N, C-alpha and C. Protein backbone atom coordinates (compact mmCIF):
# COMPACT_ATOMS: atom_id res chain seq x y z
N MET A 1 -3.42 151.85 -25.83
CA MET A 1 -3.23 151.95 -24.47
C MET A 1 -1.88 152.21 -24.15
N ALA A 2 -1.70 153.20 -23.27
CA ALA A 2 -0.48 153.59 -22.76
C ALA A 2 -0.31 153.28 -21.21
N ILE A 3 0.14 152.08 -20.81
CA ILE A 3 0.30 151.78 -19.41
C ILE A 3 1.76 151.62 -19.05
N ALA A 4 2.29 152.91 -18.57
CA ALA A 4 3.58 153.12 -18.33
C ALA A 4 4.15 152.38 -17.13
N LYS A 5 5.36 151.83 -17.25
CA LYS A 5 6.05 151.14 -16.20
C LYS A 5 6.19 152.15 -15.08
N LYS A 6 6.36 153.37 -15.43
CA LYS A 6 6.53 154.49 -14.28
C LYS A 6 5.40 154.46 -13.39
N HIS A 7 4.24 154.20 -13.83
CA HIS A 7 3.06 154.29 -12.97
C HIS A 7 2.64 152.98 -12.46
N LEU A 8 3.01 151.88 -13.10
CA LEU A 8 2.62 150.50 -12.70
C LEU A 8 3.91 149.57 -12.76
N ARG A 9 4.61 149.48 -11.74
CA ARG A 9 5.94 148.90 -11.82
C ARG A 9 5.76 147.35 -12.18
N ARG A 10 4.91 146.79 -11.67
CA ARG A 10 4.83 145.23 -11.90
C ARG A 10 4.17 144.97 -13.17
N ALA A 11 4.74 143.88 -13.81
CA ALA A 11 4.17 143.54 -15.10
C ALA A 11 2.78 142.92 -14.93
N THR A 12 2.55 142.35 -13.82
CA THR A 12 1.22 141.55 -13.40
C THR A 12 0.19 142.74 -13.29
N SER A 13 0.52 143.77 -12.76
CA SER A 13 -0.48 144.92 -12.61
C SER A 13 -0.82 145.58 -13.95
N ARG A 14 0.23 145.80 -14.73
CA ARG A 14 -0.02 146.35 -16.03
C ARG A 14 -0.92 145.46 -16.88
N ASN A 15 -0.67 144.22 -16.73
CA ASN A 15 -1.37 143.22 -17.65
C ASN A 15 -2.80 143.13 -17.15
N ARG A 16 -3.14 143.09 -15.81
CA ARG A 16 -4.42 143.14 -15.38
C ARG A 16 -5.29 144.30 -15.83
N ILE A 17 -4.59 145.46 -15.80
CA ILE A 17 -5.29 146.66 -16.17
C ILE A 17 -5.64 146.67 -17.63
N LYS A 18 -4.58 146.08 -18.52
CA LYS A 18 -4.80 146.12 -19.92
C LYS A 18 -6.04 145.02 -20.25
N ARG A 19 -6.00 143.88 -19.57
CA ARG A 19 -7.00 142.99 -19.74
C ARG A 19 -8.38 143.45 -19.57
N LEU A 20 -8.58 144.24 -18.39
CA LEU A 20 -9.76 144.87 -17.92
C LEU A 20 -10.20 145.86 -19.09
N ILE A 21 -9.28 146.67 -19.50
CA ILE A 21 -9.63 147.80 -20.46
C ILE A 21 -10.11 147.13 -21.79
N ARG A 22 -9.36 146.11 -22.21
CA ARG A 22 -9.77 145.36 -23.48
C ARG A 22 -11.22 144.77 -23.32
N GLU A 23 -11.42 144.16 -22.29
CA GLU A 23 -12.73 143.49 -22.00
C GLU A 23 -13.82 144.52 -21.97
N SER A 24 -13.65 145.54 -21.27
CA SER A 24 -14.58 146.70 -21.20
C SER A 24 -14.78 147.23 -22.60
N PHE A 25 -13.85 147.38 -23.33
CA PHE A 25 -13.92 147.96 -24.72
C PHE A 25 -14.70 147.06 -25.51
N ARG A 26 -14.47 145.81 -25.52
CA ARG A 26 -15.29 144.72 -26.34
C ARG A 26 -16.79 144.75 -25.97
N GLN A 27 -17.03 144.98 -24.63
CA GLN A 27 -18.43 144.97 -24.27
C GLN A 27 -19.12 146.22 -24.76
N HIS A 28 -18.41 147.33 -24.99
CA HIS A 28 -19.00 148.56 -25.24
C HIS A 28 -18.68 148.98 -26.83
N GLN A 29 -18.11 147.96 -27.67
CA GLN A 29 -17.66 148.18 -28.89
C GLN A 29 -18.66 148.87 -29.91
N SER A 30 -20.02 148.47 -29.71
CA SER A 30 -20.85 149.12 -30.64
C SER A 30 -21.16 150.58 -30.27
N LEU A 31 -21.11 150.88 -28.88
CA LEU A 31 -21.36 152.32 -28.51
C LEU A 31 -20.13 153.16 -29.04
N LEU A 32 -18.92 152.67 -29.15
CA LEU A 32 -17.81 153.27 -29.48
C LEU A 32 -17.37 153.20 -31.06
N GLN A 33 -18.22 152.68 -31.91
CA GLN A 33 -17.85 152.38 -33.17
C GLN A 33 -17.50 153.70 -33.82
N GLY A 34 -16.29 153.61 -34.51
CA GLY A 34 -15.78 154.75 -35.28
C GLY A 34 -14.97 155.71 -34.67
N LEU A 35 -14.74 155.49 -33.30
CA LEU A 35 -13.91 156.25 -32.37
C LEU A 35 -12.53 155.69 -32.30
N ASP A 36 -11.55 156.51 -32.23
CA ASP A 36 -10.17 156.23 -31.88
C ASP A 36 -9.93 156.69 -30.43
N LEU A 37 -9.56 155.91 -29.59
CA LEU A 37 -9.40 156.20 -28.17
C LEU A 37 -7.98 155.90 -27.65
N VAL A 38 -7.55 156.77 -26.77
CA VAL A 38 -6.28 156.40 -26.18
C VAL A 38 -6.69 156.34 -24.66
N VAL A 39 -6.05 155.31 -23.97
CA VAL A 39 -6.25 155.08 -22.52
C VAL A 39 -4.81 155.23 -21.91
N LEU A 40 -4.93 156.16 -20.99
CA LEU A 40 -3.56 156.40 -20.16
C LEU A 40 -3.81 156.06 -18.67
N ALA A 41 -2.86 155.43 -18.14
CA ALA A 41 -2.84 154.99 -16.86
C ALA A 41 -2.38 156.14 -15.89
N ARG A 42 -3.04 156.28 -14.74
CA ARG A 42 -2.68 157.30 -13.76
C ARG A 42 -1.81 156.64 -12.66
N PRO A 43 -1.02 157.30 -11.99
CA PRO A 43 -0.51 156.68 -10.70
C PRO A 43 -1.45 156.20 -9.71
N GLY A 44 -1.36 155.09 -9.07
CA GLY A 44 -2.15 154.58 -8.12
C GLY A 44 -3.31 153.63 -8.68
N LEU A 45 -3.25 153.45 -10.02
CA LEU A 45 -4.26 152.63 -10.53
C LEU A 45 -4.14 151.25 -10.05
N ASP A 46 -3.03 150.69 -9.67
CA ASP A 46 -2.98 149.31 -9.21
C ASP A 46 -3.63 149.21 -7.82
N GLN A 47 -4.02 150.25 -7.17
CA GLN A 47 -4.65 150.16 -6.01
C GLN A 47 -6.18 150.10 -6.16
N VAL A 48 -6.64 150.25 -7.27
CA VAL A 48 -8.05 150.31 -7.61
C VAL A 48 -8.65 148.85 -7.95
N ASP A 49 -9.69 148.53 -7.31
CA ASP A 49 -10.16 147.08 -7.60
C ASP A 49 -10.91 147.04 -8.98
N ASN A 50 -11.10 145.77 -9.39
CA ASN A 50 -11.59 145.67 -10.72
C ASN A 50 -12.85 146.31 -10.92
N ARG A 51 -13.97 146.15 -10.09
CA ARG A 51 -15.17 146.73 -10.16
C ARG A 51 -15.25 148.16 -10.33
N THR A 52 -14.39 148.93 -9.46
CA THR A 52 -14.27 150.40 -9.52
C THR A 52 -13.64 150.73 -10.91
N LEU A 53 -12.68 150.04 -11.31
CA LEU A 53 -12.09 150.36 -12.73
C LEU A 53 -13.10 150.16 -13.82
N LEU A 54 -13.82 149.10 -13.69
CA LEU A 54 -14.83 148.84 -14.78
C LEU A 54 -15.89 149.91 -14.83
N GLN A 55 -16.29 150.37 -13.64
CA GLN A 55 -17.37 151.40 -13.53
C GLN A 55 -16.72 152.63 -14.11
N SER A 56 -15.49 153.01 -13.77
CA SER A 56 -14.83 154.10 -14.31
C SER A 56 -14.79 154.05 -15.75
N LEU A 57 -14.39 153.15 -16.40
CA LEU A 57 -14.29 152.85 -17.75
C LEU A 57 -15.75 153.10 -18.46
N GLU A 58 -16.70 152.52 -17.73
CA GLU A 58 -18.07 152.64 -18.34
C GLU A 58 -18.48 154.18 -18.48
N ARG A 59 -18.16 154.82 -17.41
CA ARG A 59 -18.38 156.31 -17.44
C ARG A 59 -17.66 157.04 -18.64
N HIS A 60 -16.37 156.71 -18.69
CA HIS A 60 -15.52 157.27 -19.76
C HIS A 60 -16.09 156.84 -21.21
N TRP A 61 -16.51 155.63 -21.36
CA TRP A 61 -16.94 155.20 -22.63
C TRP A 61 -18.23 156.03 -22.98
N GLN A 62 -19.09 156.14 -21.86
CA GLN A 62 -20.36 156.90 -22.18
C GLN A 62 -20.13 158.28 -22.62
N ARG A 63 -19.14 158.98 -21.82
CA ARG A 63 -18.77 160.36 -22.13
C ARG A 63 -18.20 160.41 -23.51
N ALA A 64 -17.33 159.53 -23.92
CA ALA A 64 -16.67 159.67 -25.11
C ALA A 64 -17.85 159.42 -26.38
N ALA A 65 -18.71 158.58 -26.19
CA ALA A 65 -19.93 158.36 -27.04
C ALA A 65 -20.67 159.63 -27.28
N ARG A 66 -21.05 160.28 -26.22
CA ARG A 66 -21.75 161.37 -26.07
C ARG A 66 -21.16 162.71 -26.86
N SER A 67 -19.79 162.70 -26.72
CA SER A 67 -19.14 163.76 -27.26
C SER A 67 -19.01 163.73 -28.83
N THR A 68 -19.42 162.58 -29.38
CA THR A 68 -19.34 162.53 -30.84
C THR A 68 -20.53 163.07 -31.46
N GLY A 69 -21.61 163.28 -30.60
CA GLY A 69 -23.02 163.83 -31.07
C GLY A 69 -23.92 162.93 -31.67
N ASP A 70 -23.56 161.47 -31.50
CA ASP A 70 -24.50 160.47 -31.99
C ASP A 70 -25.63 160.12 -30.87
């Protein structure tokens, strides 16, 4: 994960985002087995609520899994 201080100034915001990403990854671990993924934060991510972020991660995980051809 690359959660830059440039995009999320407050440590609490960065930690919240990292916790959500880790939890979402754990829930989809079987789907993502054998993949190396890099998660980058974009500016404004601290304005997104947890539900929206988790839904977005779900779409990204599905897309990553499909791109492997499995």
